[in-house]
Amino acid sequence: MDSLIAVLAGGQGERVGGAKPSLQLGGRPLIDYSVSAGLEAGADVIVVAKPDTALPALEAPVLREPEEPRHPLCGIVAALREAGGRAVIVVGCDLPFVTAELLGWLGGLPEPFAVPELNGRLHPLLARYSPGLLAPLERALEGRRHLQEAVRELGPRLIHEDELGRFGEPGRLLFNLNTPEDLARAQAILASAR
């Protein structure tokens, strides 16, 4: 796959009690799920994190994004700058159920910009970004634009539930872990899958 997979780990994780990448889920650090899916997809994988983000041992190099601003676009922009003209497949470190097959499919799409949409909500932290989006995303970051708003205005190709369904249950694929309740739910999903 001629895309770079960037696992974003720059958030503060306040709602879940901090240190989200190292949070234990099923005996593994949470970030390990996204990194492993990226590596299994056969892509180059990097982790993008703030300078002060505590990370567990990883099988991927770490790119430290600027300390400020604390905005999800900061990691996306940093990854696009690092990608050497390749498309970037962004995946949040808090998406434990994303699959290598879905990441590989995103990497192979012909469209330069593709974002899942489920129940009317965009999921820009599991998306394909082409190098041509760097300048408009830099402007959106400078203006501290809301991520959903900035992404929707750029007119992505929307990936709908029927397409996501080829890779698993869409709600599960897009499940992101933000709260202690989410952690308990993720533990239950893992237990039921065993």
N, C-alpha and C. Protein backbone atom coordinates (compact mmCIF):
# COMPACT_ATOMS: atom_id res chain seq x y z
N MET A 1 0.85 -1.18 0.00
CA MET A 1 0.00 0.00 0.00
C MET A 1 0.89 1.24 0.00
N ASP A 2 0.66 2.11 -0.96
CA ASP A 2 1.50 3.30 -1.08
C ASP A 2 0.88 4.47 -0.33
N SER A 3 0.49 4.24 0.89
CA SER A 3 -0.03 5.28 1.77
C SER A 3 0.68 5.14 3.10
N LEU A 4 0.70 6.22 3.83
CA LEU A 4 1.24 6.20 5.18
C LEU A 4 0.07 6.10 6.16
N ILE A 5 0.14 5.18 7.09
CA ILE A 5 -0.88 5.12 8.14
C ILE A 5 -0.35 5.89 9.34
N ALA A 6 -1.12 6.87 9.78
CA ALA A 6 -0.74 7.70 10.92
C ALA A 6 -1.71 7.44 12.06
N VAL A 7 -1.20 6.87 13.14
CA VAL A 7 -2.00 6.62 14.34
C VAL A 7 -1.90 7.86 15.21
N LEU A 8 -3.01 8.55 15.38
CA LEU A 8 -3.01 9.81 16.13
C LEU A 8 -3.15 9.55 17.62
N ALA A 9 -2.21 10.10 18.39
CA ALA A 9 -2.19 9.89 19.84
C ALA A 9 -1.90 11.20 20.56
N GLY A 10 -2.35 12.32 19.99
CA GLY A 10 -2.04 13.62 20.57
C GLY A 10 -3.07 14.17 21.54
N GLY A 11 -4.19 13.46 21.71
CA GLY A 11 -5.22 13.95 22.63
C GLY A 11 -4.82 13.77 24.08
N GLN A 12 -5.51 14.50 24.95
CA GLN A 12 -5.18 14.45 26.37
C GLN A 12 -5.88 13.32 27.12
N GLY A 13 -6.97 12.80 26.56
CA GLY A 13 -7.66 11.69 27.20
C GLY A 13 -8.28 12.04 28.54
N GLU A 14 -8.70 13.30 28.70
CA GLU A 14 -9.22 13.76 30.00
C GLU A 14 -10.44 12.99 30.46
N ARG A 15 -11.36 12.67 29.52
CA ARG A 15 -12.60 12.01 29.92
C ARG A 15 -12.39 10.59 30.40
N VAL A 16 -11.29 9.96 29.95
CA VAL A 16 -11.03 8.58 30.36
C VAL A 16 -9.97 8.52 31.46
N GLY A 17 -9.47 9.67 31.87
CA GLY A 17 -8.52 9.71 32.97
C GLY A 17 -7.07 9.88 32.55
N GLY A 18 -6.85 10.28 31.27
CA GLY A 18 -5.50 10.55 30.77
C GLY A 18 -4.78 9.32 30.26
N ALA A 19 -3.63 9.56 29.61
CA ALA A 19 -2.74 8.50 29.09
C ALA A 19 -3.51 7.47 28.27
N LYS A 20 -4.35 7.94 27.36
CA LYS A 20 -5.17 7.03 26.57
C LYS A 20 -4.36 5.98 25.80
N PRO A 21 -3.23 6.34 25.15
CA PRO A 21 -2.50 5.31 24.40
C PRO A 21 -2.06 4.12 25.25
N SER A 22 -1.75 4.36 26.52
CA SER A 22 -1.26 3.29 27.40
C SER A 22 -2.37 2.58 28.16
N LEU A 23 -3.58 3.06 28.05
CA LEU A 23 -4.71 2.45 28.74
C LEU A 23 -4.80 0.97 28.38
N GLN A 24 -4.97 0.11 29.36
CA GLN A 24 -5.00 -1.33 29.12
C GLN A 24 -6.39 -1.79 28.69
N LEU A 25 -6.43 -2.50 27.57
CA LEU A 25 -7.65 -3.10 27.05
C LEU A 25 -7.31 -4.53 26.66
N GLY A 26 -7.91 -5.48 27.32
CA GLY A 26 -7.64 -6.88 27.01
C GLY A 26 -6.18 -7.26 27.20
N GLY A 27 -5.51 -6.63 28.16
CA GLY A 27 -4.12 -6.95 28.43
C GLY A 27 -3.11 -6.30 27.50
N ARG A 28 -3.57 -5.38 26.68
CA ARG A 28 -2.69 -4.67 25.73
C ARG A 28 -2.92 -3.18 25.84
N PRO A 29 -1.91 -2.35 25.53
CA PRO A 29 -2.15 -0.91 25.47
C PRO A 29 -3.14 -0.60 24.35
N LEU A 30 -4.02 0.32 24.59
CA LEU A 30 -5.05 0.68 23.62
C LEU A 30 -4.46 0.99 22.25
N ILE A 31 -3.38 1.76 22.21
CA ILE A 31 -2.80 2.17 20.93
C ILE A 31 -2.30 0.97 20.12
N ASP A 32 -1.99 -0.12 20.79
CA ASP A 32 -1.46 -1.30 20.10
C ASP A 32 -2.44 -1.85 19.08
N TYR A 33 -3.73 -1.69 19.32
CA TYR A 33 -4.74 -2.21 18.39
C TYR A 33 -4.66 -1.50 17.04
N SER A 34 -4.59 -0.17 17.05
CA SER A 34 -4.52 0.60 15.80
C SER A 34 -3.18 0.38 15.10
N VAL A 35 -2.08 0.39 15.86
CA VAL A 35 -0.77 0.18 15.26
C VAL A 35 -0.70 -1.21 14.62
N SER A 36 -1.17 -2.22 15.32
CA SER A 36 -1.14 -3.59 14.78
C SER A 36 -1.97 -3.72 13.51
N ALA A 37 -3.15 -3.09 13.48
CA ALA A 37 -3.99 -3.14 12.27
C ALA A 37 -3.27 -2.49 11.11
N GLY A 38 -2.59 -1.37 11.36
CA GLY A 38 -1.85 -0.70 10.30
C GLY A 38 -0.71 -1.55 9.77
N LEU A 39 0.04 -2.16 10.66
CA LEU A 39 1.15 -3.02 10.24
C LEU A 39 0.64 -4.24 9.48
N GLU A 40 -0.46 -4.79 9.94
CA GLU A 40 -1.05 -5.96 9.26
C GLU A 40 -1.55 -5.60 7.86
N ALA A 41 -1.92 -4.33 7.67
CA ALA A 41 -2.37 -3.86 6.35
C ALA A 41 -1.20 -3.75 5.37
N GLY A 42 0.01 -3.85 5.88
CA GLY A 42 1.18 -3.82 5.01
C GLY A 42 1.67 -2.43 4.67
N ALA A 43 1.34 -1.47 5.50
CA ALA A 43 1.71 -0.08 5.24
C ALA A 43 2.83 0.38 6.16
N ASP A 44 3.46 1.49 5.78
CA ASP A 44 4.32 2.19 6.72
C ASP A 44 3.42 2.82 7.76
N VAL A 45 3.77 2.67 9.01
CA VAL A 45 2.96 3.19 10.10
C VAL A 45 3.81 4.11 10.96
N ILE A 46 3.24 5.26 11.32
CA ILE A 46 3.85 6.15 12.31
C ILE A 46 2.81 6.47 13.37
N VAL A 47 3.31 6.81 14.54
CA VAL A 47 2.45 7.30 15.61
C VAL A 47 2.72 8.79 15.74
N VAL A 48 1.68 9.61 15.76
CA VAL A 48 1.82 11.05 15.88
C VAL A 48 1.31 11.46 17.25
N ALA A 49 2.19 12.07 18.06
CA ALA A 49 1.85 12.38 19.45
C ALA A 49 2.49 13.70 19.86
N LYS A 50 1.95 14.29 20.90
CA LYS A 50 2.53 15.51 21.49
C LYS A 50 3.85 15.15 22.18
N PRO A 51 4.73 16.14 22.37
CA PRO A 51 6.00 15.87 23.04
C PRO A 51 5.85 15.26 24.43
N ASP A 52 4.76 15.62 25.12
CA ASP A 52 4.58 15.12 26.49
C ASP A 52 3.68 13.89 26.59
N THR A 53 3.28 13.33 25.45
CA THR A 53 2.39 12.16 25.47
C THR A 53 3.18 10.93 25.90
N ALA A 54 2.73 10.29 26.96
CA ALA A 54 3.35 9.03 27.41
C ALA A 54 2.89 7.91 26.50
N LEU A 55 3.85 7.16 25.96
CA LEU A 55 3.54 6.07 25.05
C LEU A 55 4.17 4.78 25.55
N PRO A 56 3.49 3.67 25.34
CA PRO A 56 4.11 2.38 25.65
C PRO A 56 5.13 2.04 24.56
N ALA A 57 5.84 0.93 24.72
CA ALA A 57 6.73 0.46 23.66
C ALA A 57 5.88 0.16 22.42
N LEU A 58 6.37 0.61 21.27
CA LEU A 58 5.60 0.49 20.02
C LEU A 58 6.44 -0.14 18.92
N GLU A 59 5.74 -0.73 17.95
CA GLU A 59 6.41 -1.30 16.78
C GLU A 59 6.42 -0.31 15.63
N ALA A 60 6.24 0.97 15.90
CA ALA A 60 6.21 1.99 14.86
C ALA A 60 6.96 3.23 15.36
N PRO A 61 7.60 3.96 14.44
CA PRO A 61 8.28 5.19 14.86
C PRO A 61 7.28 6.25 15.32
N VAL A 62 7.77 7.15 16.15
CA VAL A 62 6.92 8.21 16.70
C VAL A 62 7.33 9.55 16.10
N LEU A 63 6.35 10.28 15.61
CA LEU A 63 6.53 11.65 15.13
C LEU A 63 5.92 12.57 16.18
N ARG A 64 6.72 13.47 16.73
CA ARG A 64 6.20 14.39 17.74
C ARG A 64 5.68 15.65 17.05
N GLU A 65 4.39 15.86 17.15
CA GLU A 65 3.76 17.05 16.59
C GLU A 65 4.02 18.23 17.53
N PRO A 66 3.80 19.47 17.06
CA PRO A 66 4.02 20.63 17.93
C PRO A 66 3.16 20.56 19.20
N GLU A 67 3.67 21.13 20.27
CA GLU A 67 2.96 21.16 21.55
C GLU A 67 1.62 21.89 21.41
N GLU A 68 1.62 22.96 20.67
CA GLU A 68 0.40 23.73 20.43
C GLU A 68 0.19 23.88 18.93
N PRO A 69 -1.05 23.92 18.50
CA PRO A 69 -2.27 23.86 19.29
C PRO A 69 -2.65 22.43 19.63
N ARG A 70 -3.48 22.30 20.63
CA ARG A 70 -4.03 20.99 20.98
C ARG A 70 -5.35 20.86 20.21
N HIS A 71 -5.21 20.28 19.03
CA HIS A 71 -6.32 20.18 18.09
C HIS A 71 -6.08 18.94 17.24
N PRO A 72 -7.12 18.15 16.94
CA PRO A 72 -6.89 16.94 16.15
C PRO A 72 -6.29 17.20 14.77
N LEU A 73 -6.55 18.38 14.21
CA LEU A 73 -5.95 18.70 12.91
C LEU A 73 -4.44 18.81 12.99
N CYS A 74 -3.91 19.09 14.16
CA CYS A 74 -2.46 19.22 14.33
C CYS A 74 -1.76 17.91 13.95
N GLY A 75 -2.29 16.80 14.39
CA GLY A 75 -1.70 15.51 14.07
C GLY A 75 -1.87 15.14 12.60
N ILE A 76 -3.02 15.48 12.03
CA ILE A 76 -3.27 15.19 10.61
C ILE A 76 -2.30 15.99 9.74
N VAL A 77 -2.15 17.28 10.06
CA VAL A 77 -1.24 18.14 9.31
C VAL A 77 0.20 17.64 9.45
N ALA A 78 0.62 17.29 10.67
CA ALA A 78 1.97 16.78 10.88
C ALA A 78 2.22 15.52 10.06
N ALA A 79 1.23 14.63 10.00
CA ALA A 79 1.38 13.39 9.24
C ALA A 79 1.49 13.67 7.74
N LEU A 80 0.66 14.58 7.23
CA LEU A 80 0.73 14.93 5.81
C LEU A 80 2.09 15.54 5.46
N ARG A 81 2.64 16.36 6.35
CA ARG A 81 3.96 16.93 6.11
C ARG A 81 5.03 15.85 6.07
N GLU A 82 4.85 14.81 6.86
CA GLU A 82 5.83 13.73 6.98
C GLU A 82 5.71 12.70 5.86
N ALA A 83 4.59 12.67 5.17
CA ALA A 83 4.26 11.56 4.27
C ALA A 83 5.01 11.54 2.94
N GLY A 84 5.75 12.59 2.64
CA GLY A 84 6.53 12.60 1.41
C GLY A 84 5.68 12.50 0.15
N GLY A 85 4.54 13.17 0.14
CA GLY A 85 3.70 13.19 -1.05
C GLY A 85 2.73 12.02 -1.16
N ARG A 86 2.74 11.12 -0.18
CA ARG A 86 1.79 10.01 -0.19
C ARG A 86 0.50 10.42 0.51
N ALA A 87 -0.56 9.68 0.22
CA ALA A 87 -1.80 9.84 0.98
C ALA A 87 -1.56 9.35 2.39
N VAL A 88 -2.32 9.90 3.33
CA VAL A 88 -2.24 9.49 4.72
C VAL A 88 -3.57 8.88 5.13
N ILE A 89 -3.50 7.69 5.69
CA ILE A 89 -4.67 7.07 6.30
C ILE A 89 -4.55 7.35 7.79
N VAL A 90 -5.45 8.16 8.29
CA VAL A 90 -5.45 8.55 9.69
C VAL A 90 -6.31 7.56 10.46
N VAL A 91 -5.81 7.13 11.62
CA VAL A 91 -6.60 6.29 12.51
C VAL A 91 -6.30 6.72 13.95
N GLY A 92 -7.35 6.98 14.69
CA GLY A 92 -7.17 7.38 16.08
C GLY A 92 -6.63 6.23 16.92
N CYS A 93 -5.84 6.56 17.93
CA CYS A 93 -5.30 5.52 18.81
C CYS A 93 -6.39 4.91 19.68
N ASP A 94 -7.58 5.50 19.65
CA ASP A 94 -8.68 5.03 20.49
C ASP A 94 -9.74 4.26 19.71
N LEU A 95 -9.33 3.69 18.57
CA LEU A 95 -10.23 2.88 17.74
C LEU A 95 -9.77 1.42 17.77
N PRO A 96 -10.10 0.70 18.83
CA PRO A 96 -9.53 -0.65 19.00
C PRO A 96 -10.06 -1.70 18.05
N PHE A 97 -11.16 -1.42 17.36
CA PHE A 97 -11.78 -2.46 16.53
C PHE A 97 -11.63 -2.21 15.03
N VAL A 98 -10.81 -1.25 14.66
CA VAL A 98 -10.54 -1.03 13.24
C VAL A 98 -9.77 -2.23 12.71
N THR A 99 -10.01 -2.59 11.45
CA THR A 99 -9.37 -3.78 10.90
C THR A 99 -8.32 -3.42 9.85
N ALA A 100 -7.36 -4.32 9.68
CA ALA A 100 -6.34 -4.15 8.65
C ALA A 100 -6.99 -4.10 7.27
N GLU A 101 -8.04 -4.88 7.06
CA GLU A 101 -8.72 -4.90 5.76
C GLU A 101 -9.32 -3.53 5.44
N LEU A 102 -9.94 -2.90 6.43
CA LEU A 102 -10.52 -1.58 6.20
C LEU A 102 -9.43 -0.55 5.92
N LEU A 103 -8.34 -0.59 6.67
CA LEU A 103 -7.25 0.35 6.45
C LEU A 103 -6.63 0.15 5.07
N GLY A 104 -6.46 -1.10 4.65
CA GLY A 104 -5.93 -1.38 3.33
C GLY A 104 -6.85 -0.88 2.23
N TRP A 105 -8.15 -1.06 2.42
CA TRP A 105 -9.13 -0.59 1.45
C TRP A 105 -9.08 0.93 1.34
N LEU A 106 -9.02 1.63 2.49
CA LEU A 106 -8.89 3.09 2.47
C LEU A 106 -7.64 3.51 1.71
N GLY A 107 -6.55 2.79 1.93
CA GLY A 107 -5.31 3.11 1.24
C GLY A 107 -5.38 2.94 -0.25
N GLY A 108 -6.25 2.07 -0.73
CA GLY A 108 -6.37 1.80 -2.15
C GLY A 108 -7.44 2.59 -2.88
N LEU A 109 -8.19 3.41 -2.16
CA LEU A 109 -9.25 4.18 -2.82
C LEU A 109 -8.67 5.16 -3.84
N PRO A 110 -9.37 5.35 -4.96
CA PRO A 110 -8.88 6.32 -5.95
C PRO A 110 -9.17 7.77 -5.54
N GLU A 111 -10.17 7.98 -4.68
CA GLU A 111 -10.51 9.34 -4.28
C GLU A 111 -9.44 9.90 -3.35
N PRO A 112 -9.13 11.18 -3.49
CA PRO A 112 -8.08 11.77 -2.66
C PRO A 112 -8.49 11.98 -1.20
N PHE A 113 -9.78 12.05 -0.93
CA PHE A 113 -10.26 12.39 0.39
C PHE A 113 -11.51 11.58 0.66
N ALA A 114 -11.46 10.70 1.66
CA ALA A 114 -12.60 9.84 1.96
C ALA A 114 -12.77 9.70 3.46
N VAL A 115 -14.01 9.89 3.91
CA VAL A 115 -14.32 9.91 5.34
C VAL A 115 -15.58 9.09 5.60
N PRO A 116 -15.57 8.17 6.56
CA PRO A 116 -16.79 7.46 6.92
C PRO A 116 -17.84 8.41 7.51
N GLU A 117 -19.09 8.09 7.21
CA GLU A 117 -20.22 8.81 7.81
C GLU A 117 -21.19 7.76 8.31
N LEU A 118 -21.54 7.86 9.58
CA LEU A 118 -22.47 6.92 10.18
C LEU A 118 -23.48 7.70 11.00
N ASN A 119 -24.76 7.47 10.72
CA ASN A 119 -25.85 8.17 11.42
C ASN A 119 -25.69 9.68 11.34
N GLY A 120 -25.27 10.17 10.16
CA GLY A 120 -25.15 11.61 9.94
C GLY A 120 -23.90 12.26 10.53
N ARG A 121 -23.03 11.47 11.14
CA ARG A 121 -21.83 12.02 11.76
C ARG A 121 -20.58 11.56 11.02
N LEU A 122 -19.72 12.50 10.69
CA LEU A 122 -18.45 12.18 10.05
C LEU A 122 -17.48 11.59 11.07
N HIS A 123 -16.56 10.75 10.58
CA HIS A 123 -15.53 10.16 11.43
C HIS A 123 -14.16 10.47 10.82
N PRO A 124 -13.72 11.74 10.95
CA PRO A 124 -12.48 12.16 10.30
C PRO A 124 -11.20 11.61 10.93
N LEU A 125 -11.32 10.88 12.03
CA LEU A 125 -10.13 10.27 12.63
C LEU A 125 -9.98 8.80 12.21
N LEU A 126 -10.70 8.43 11.17
CA LEU A 126 -10.48 7.19 10.43
C LEU A 126 -10.79 7.53 8.98
N ALA A 127 -9.81 8.08 8.27
CA ALA A 127 -10.08 8.65 6.96
C ALA A 127 -8.83 8.68 6.10
N ARG A 128 -9.05 8.91 4.81
CA ARG A 128 -7.96 9.04 3.83
C ARG A 128 -7.80 10.52 3.47
N TYR A 129 -6.58 11.03 3.59
CA TYR A 129 -6.26 12.42 3.27
C TYR A 129 -5.15 12.44 2.22
N SER A 130 -5.38 13.12 1.10
CA SER A 130 -4.35 13.22 0.07
C SER A 130 -3.42 14.39 0.38
N PRO A 131 -2.21 14.39 -0.22
CA PRO A 131 -1.27 15.48 0.02
C PRO A 131 -1.82 16.85 -0.38
N GLY A 132 -2.73 16.88 -1.36
CA GLY A 132 -3.31 18.14 -1.80
C GLY A 132 -4.18 18.82 -0.74
N LEU A 133 -4.51 18.11 0.31
CA LEU A 133 -5.33 18.68 1.38
C LEU A 133 -4.49 19.41 2.43
N LEU A 134 -3.16 19.33 2.31
CA LEU A 134 -2.32 19.91 3.35
C LEU A 134 -2.58 21.40 3.53
N ALA A 135 -2.57 22.17 2.47
CA ALA A 135 -2.73 23.62 2.59
C ALA A 135 -4.09 24.01 3.19
N PRO A 136 -5.22 23.46 2.70
CA PRO A 136 -6.49 23.84 3.33
C PRO A 136 -6.61 23.38 4.78
N LEU A 137 -6.00 22.24 5.10
CA LEU A 137 -6.05 21.78 6.49
C LEU A 137 -5.16 22.64 7.38
N GLU A 138 -4.04 23.12 6.85
CA GLU A 138 -3.20 24.05 7.61
C GLU A 138 -3.98 25.33 7.92
N ARG A 139 -4.72 25.82 6.93
CA ARG A 139 -5.53 27.03 7.16
C ARG A 139 -6.62 26.78 8.20
N ALA A 140 -7.25 25.63 8.12
CA ALA A 140 -8.29 25.29 9.10
C ALA A 140 -7.68 25.19 10.50
N LEU A 141 -6.47 24.64 10.59
CA LEU A 141 -5.80 24.54 11.89
C LEU A 141 -5.45 25.93 12.42
N GLU A 142 -4.92 26.78 11.56
CA GLU A 142 -4.59 28.15 11.98
C GLU A 142 -5.82 28.87 12.51
N GLY A 143 -6.97 28.64 11.87
CA GLY A 143 -8.22 29.27 12.30
C GLY A 143 -8.92 28.53 13.43
N ARG A 144 -8.30 27.45 13.93
CA ARG A 144 -8.87 26.63 15.01
C ARG A 144 -10.30 26.20 14.69
N ARG A 145 -10.50 25.81 13.41
CA ARG A 145 -11.81 25.38 12.96
C ARG A 145 -12.18 24.06 13.62
N HIS A 146 -13.45 23.86 13.88
CA HIS A 146 -13.93 22.59 14.40
C HIS A 146 -13.65 21.51 13.36
N LEU A 147 -13.14 20.37 13.79
CA LEU A 147 -12.71 19.32 12.87
C LEU A 147 -13.83 18.87 11.94
N GLN A 148 -14.99 18.57 12.48
CA GLN A 148 -16.12 18.11 11.66
C GLN A 148 -16.47 19.13 10.59
N GLU A 149 -16.53 20.37 10.99
CA GLU A 149 -16.91 21.46 10.08
C GLU A 149 -15.87 21.63 8.98
N ALA A 150 -14.60 21.65 9.35
CA ALA A 150 -13.53 21.84 8.37
C ALA A 150 -13.51 20.70 7.36
N VAL A 151 -13.68 19.48 7.84
CA VAL A 151 -13.65 18.32 6.96
C VAL A 151 -14.84 18.32 6.02
N ARG A 152 -16.02 18.58 6.54
CA ARG A 152 -17.23 18.57 5.68
C ARG A 152 -17.12 19.62 4.58
N GLU A 153 -16.59 20.80 4.90
CA GLU A 153 -16.47 21.86 3.90
C GLU A 153 -15.52 21.50 2.77
N LEU A 154 -14.59 20.60 3.02
CA LEU A 154 -13.64 20.20 1.98
C LEU A 154 -14.20 19.14 1.03
N GLY A 155 -15.44 18.71 1.28
CA GLY A 155 -16.15 17.82 0.35
C GLY A 155 -15.56 16.44 0.17
N PRO A 156 -15.41 15.68 1.25
CA PRO A 156 -14.86 14.33 1.10
C PRO A 156 -15.83 13.39 0.41
N ARG A 157 -15.30 12.33 -0.13
CA ARG A 157 -16.12 11.22 -0.58
C ARG A 157 -16.59 10.52 0.69
N LEU A 158 -17.88 10.41 0.88
CA LEU A 158 -18.41 9.81 2.10
C LEU A 158 -18.47 8.29 1.96
N ILE A 159 -18.02 7.63 2.98
CA ILE A 159 -18.06 6.17 3.04
C ILE A 159 -19.25 5.81 3.93
N HIS A 160 -20.22 5.15 3.32
CA HIS A 160 -21.47 4.88 4.03
C HIS A 160 -21.48 3.50 4.68
N GLU A 161 -22.52 3.28 5.45
CA GLU A 161 -22.65 2.08 6.26
C GLU A 161 -22.55 0.79 5.44
N ASP A 162 -23.13 0.78 4.23
CA ASP A 162 -23.09 -0.44 3.43
C ASP A 162 -21.66 -0.79 3.02
N GLU A 163 -20.84 0.21 2.72
CA GLU A 163 -19.44 -0.06 2.38
C GLU A 163 -18.66 -0.51 3.61
N LEU A 164 -18.86 0.16 4.73
CA LEU A 164 -18.18 -0.22 5.96
C LEU A 164 -18.55 -1.65 6.36
N GLY A 165 -19.80 -2.03 6.09
CA GLY A 165 -20.29 -3.34 6.48
C GLY A 165 -19.53 -4.49 5.86
N ARG A 166 -18.79 -4.24 4.79
CA ARG A 166 -17.98 -5.30 4.18
C ARG A 166 -16.80 -5.69 5.07
N PHE A 167 -16.48 -4.84 6.05
CA PHE A 167 -15.30 -5.05 6.89
C PHE A 167 -15.65 -5.35 8.36
N GLY A 168 -16.94 -5.41 8.64
CA GLY A 168 -17.38 -5.67 10.01
C GLY A 168 -18.58 -4.80 10.33
N GLU A 169 -19.03 -4.90 11.55
CA GLU A 169 -20.18 -4.10 11.98
C GLU A 169 -19.74 -2.64 12.06
N PRO A 170 -20.38 -1.72 11.29
CA PRO A 170 -19.90 -0.34 11.22
C PRO A 170 -19.75 0.37 12.56
N GLY A 171 -20.71 0.19 13.45
CA GLY A 171 -20.62 0.84 14.76
C GLY A 171 -19.42 0.37 15.55
N ARG A 172 -19.07 -0.89 15.38
CA ARG A 172 -17.92 -1.44 16.08
C ARG A 172 -16.62 -0.94 15.45
N LEU A 173 -16.55 -0.93 14.12
CA LEU A 173 -15.35 -0.44 13.43
C LEU A 173 -15.02 1.00 13.83
N LEU A 174 -16.06 1.80 14.02
CA LEU A 174 -15.89 3.23 14.32
C LEU A 174 -15.96 3.53 15.82
N PHE A 175 -16.06 2.50 16.63
CA PHE A 175 -16.15 2.68 18.08
C PHE A 175 -14.87 3.33 18.59
N ASN A 176 -15.02 4.50 19.21
CA ASN A 176 -13.84 5.13 19.81
C ASN A 176 -14.04 5.25 21.31
N LEU A 177 -12.94 5.02 22.01
CA LEU A 177 -12.95 4.88 23.45
C LEU A 177 -12.58 6.21 24.11
N ASN A 178 -13.55 6.81 24.79
CA ASN A 178 -13.34 8.13 25.39
C ASN A 178 -13.61 8.21 26.89
N THR A 179 -14.37 7.27 27.41
CA THR A 179 -14.81 7.35 28.81
C THR A 179 -14.58 6.00 29.51
N PRO A 180 -14.63 5.98 30.82
CA PRO A 180 -14.57 4.69 31.52
C PRO A 180 -15.68 3.73 31.08
N GLU A 181 -16.85 4.28 30.76
CA GLU A 181 -17.96 3.44 30.29
C GLU A 181 -17.61 2.81 28.94
N ASP A 182 -16.95 3.59 28.07
CA ASP A 182 -16.50 3.04 26.78
C ASP A 182 -15.50 1.92 26.99
N LEU A 183 -14.61 2.08 27.96
CA LEU A 183 -13.62 1.06 28.25
C LEU A 183 -14.31 -0.24 28.68
N ALA A 184 -15.30 -0.11 29.55
CA ALA A 184 -16.03 -1.30 30.01
C ALA A 184 -16.75 -1.97 28.84
N ARG A 185 -17.31 -1.15 27.96
CA ARG A 185 -18.01 -1.70 26.79
C ARG A 185 -17.02 -2.40 25.86
N ALA A 186 -15.85 -1.80 25.64
CA ALA A 186 -14.83 -2.42 24.79
C ALA A 186 -14.36 -3.74 25.38
N GLN A 187 -14.20 -3.78 26.71
CA GLN A 187 -13.80 -5.03 27.36
C GLN A 187 -14.85 -6.11 27.12
N ALA A 188 -16.12 -5.72 27.20
CA ALA A 188 -17.22 -6.68 26.99
C ALA A 188 -17.23 -7.17 25.55
N ILE A 189 -16.99 -6.27 24.59
CA ILE A 189 -16.95 -6.67 23.18
C ILE A 189 -15.81 -7.66 22.95
N LEU A 190 -14.63 -7.37 23.52
CA LEU A 190 -13.52 -8.30 23.37
C LEU A 190 -13.83 -9.66 23.98
N ALA A 191 -14.43 -9.64 25.16
CA ALA A 191 -14.76 -10.90 25.84
C ALA A 191 -15.75 -11.72 25.03
N SER A 192 -16.73 -11.06 24.44
CA SER A 192 -17.75 -11.78 23.66
C SER A 192 -17.18 -12.33 22.35
N ALA A 193 -16.12 -11.71 21.86
CA ALA A 193 -15.50 -12.16 20.61
C ALA A 193 -14.60 -13.37 20.82
N ARG A 194 -14.22 -13.65 22.05
CA ARG A 194 -13.30 -14.77 22.33
C ARG A 194 -14.02 -16.09 22.40
